Protein backbone atom coordinates (compact mmCIF):
# COMPACT_ATOMS: atom_id res chain seq x y z
CA UNK A 1 -11.52 -17.09 -14.98
CA UNK A 2 -11.30 -13.30 -14.77
CA UNK A 3 -8.76 -10.54 -14.32
CA UNK A 4 -8.88 -8.24 -11.28
CA UNK A 5 -7.32 -5.02 -10.00
CA UNK A 6 -6.55 -5.38 -6.30
CA UNK A 7 -6.05 -2.30 -4.11
CA UNK A 8 -4.34 -2.88 -0.77
CA UNK A 9 -3.26 -0.70 2.12
CA UNK A 10 0.06 -1.10 3.94
CA UNK A 11 1.21 0.51 7.19
CA UNK A 12 4.85 1.64 7.06
CA UNK A 13 6.88 2.87 10.07
CA UNK A 14 9.74 5.33 9.49
CA UNK A 15 12.15 6.35 12.26
CA UNK A 16 14.10 9.63 12.61
CA UNK A 17 11.98 11.74 10.28
CA UNK A 18 10.91 15.36 10.75
CA UNK A 19 8.39 16.18 7.99
CA UNK A 20 5.43 14.38 6.46
CA UNK A 21 6.79 14.84 2.94
CA UNK A 22 10.06 13.16 3.92
CA UNK A 23 8.20 10.32 5.67
CA UNK A 24 5.99 9.66 2.64
CA UNK A 25 8.96 9.78 0.25
CA UNK A 26 11.03 7.41 2.36
CA UNK A 27 8.12 4.97 2.79
CA UNK A 28 7.46 4.83 -0.98
CA UNK A 29 11.18 4.43 -1.68
CA UNK A 30 11.66 1.62 0.86
CA UNK A 31 8.56 -0.21 -0.35
CA UNK A 32 9.77 0.08 -3.94
CA UNK A 33 13.17 -1.35 -3.02
CA UNK A 34 11.57 -4.36 -1.30
CA UNK A 35 9.14 -5.00 -4.16
CA UNK A 36 11.84 -4.84 -6.84
CA UNK A 37 12.56 -7.17 -8.69
CA UNK A 38 10.16 -9.88 -7.48
CA UNK A 39 7.01 -7.72 -7.57
CA UNK A 40 8.01 -4.61 -9.52
CA UNK A 41 4.59 -4.58 -11.24
CA UNK A 42 2.93 -3.31 -8.03
CA UNK A 43 1.99 0.39 -8.13
CA UNK A 44 2.82 2.32 -4.93
CA UNK A 45 1.18 5.58 -3.86
CA UNK A 46 0.68 7.54 -0.68
CA UNK A 47 -2.66 6.75 0.89
CA UNK A 48 -5.25 9.52 1.13
CA UNK A 49 -8.21 9.98 3.45
CA UNK A 50 -11.01 12.52 3.80
CA UNK A 51 -11.03 14.85 6.82
CA UNK A 52 -14.36 14.38 8.65
CA UNK A 53 -14.53 18.09 9.54
CA UNK A 54 -13.38 20.02 6.46
CA UNK A 55 -13.94 17.21 3.89
CA UNK A 56 -10.56 17.81 2.20
CA UNK A 57 -8.11 15.07 1.24
CA UNK A 58 -5.29 14.43 3.70
CA UNK A 59 -2.25 12.19 3.45
CA UNK A 60 -2.40 9.05 5.58
CA UNK A 61 0.69 9.93 7.57
CA UNK A 62 1.37 10.87 11.17
CA UNK A 63 4.57 11.89 12.97
CA UNK A 64 4.97 11.57 16.73
CA UNK A 65 8.37 11.84 18.40
CA UNK A 66 10.22 11.73 15.03
CA UNK A 67 8.60 8.38 14.20
CA UNK A 68 6.14 8.33 11.32
CA UNK A 69 3.35 5.94 10.41
CA UNK A 70 2.58 6.16 6.69
CA UNK A 71 -0.35 4.51 4.96
CA UNK A 72 0.59 3.33 1.46
CA UNK A 73 -1.80 2.25 -1.28
CA UNK A 74 -0.61 -0.68 -3.39
CA UNK A 75 -2.31 -1.71 -6.65
CA UNK A 76 -1.72 -4.97 -8.45
CA UNK A 77 -3.40 -6.71 -11.39
CA UNK A 78 -4.17 -10.39 -10.95
CA UNK A 79 -4.87 -12.39 -14.09
CA UNK A 80 -7.02 -15.52 -14.44
CA UNK A 81 -8.28 -15.75 -10.87
CA UNK A 82 -11.32 -17.89 -10.11
CA UNK A 83 -13.13 -15.44 -7.77
CA UNK A 84 -12.61 -12.04 -6.15
CA UNK A 85 -11.48 -13.73 -2.94
CA UNK A 86 -9.00 -15.87 -4.86
CA UNK A 87 -7.57 -12.75 -6.56
CA UNK A 88 -7.23 -10.99 -3.19
CA UNK A 89 -5.40 -13.98 -1.68
CA UNK A 90 -3.01 -14.10 -4.66
CA UNK A 91 -2.24 -10.38 -4.35
CA UNK A 92 -1.69 -10.55 -0.58
CA UNK A 93 0.58 -13.55 -1.04
CA UNK A 94 2.74 -11.93 -3.73
CA UNK A 95 3.06 -8.59 -1.95
CA UNK A 96 3.33 -10.18 1.50
CA UNK A 97 6.37 -12.22 0.46
CA UNK A 98 8.20 -9.07 -0.61
CA UNK A 99 7.01 -6.90 2.30
CA UNK A 100 7.57 -9.20 5.24
CA UNK A 101 6.32 -7.90 8.63
CA UNK A 102 4.25 -5.16 6.95
CA UNK A 103 0.51 -5.37 7.67
CA UNK A 104 -1.64 -5.49 4.52
CA UNK A 105 -5.36 -4.95 4.12
CA UNK A 106 -7.34 -5.45 0.92
CA UNK A 107 -9.37 -2.30 0.26
CA UNK A 108 -10.96 -3.03 -3.12
CA UNK A 109 -11.23 -5.80 -5.68
CA UNK A 110 -12.30 -4.58 -9.12
CA UNK A 111 -12.99 -6.81 -12.11
CA UNK A 112 -11.19 -5.65 -15.27
């Protein structure tokens, strides 16, 4: 049995927002409220991606018509899992219970 660090991506929709900074802040705040107290050990950050043209980091956020879609990165440690797949299922289950109706995707499973 091993310990793993699971990195997941969540898509968060924010309504009535005008700037990317506000959208990212609201998404992190709302996710934190939902994860506390049942899964307060999950780390929440704004997702980042690389621009294919200029190769600089960009926030995973988009605003159209005052509605934002924000990509959040969630990290969670899973202890004493049998395999990487088992650890990923545990993490998705724990976070998924707190963040109902929020799509989750496992990005990385790292053995610690």
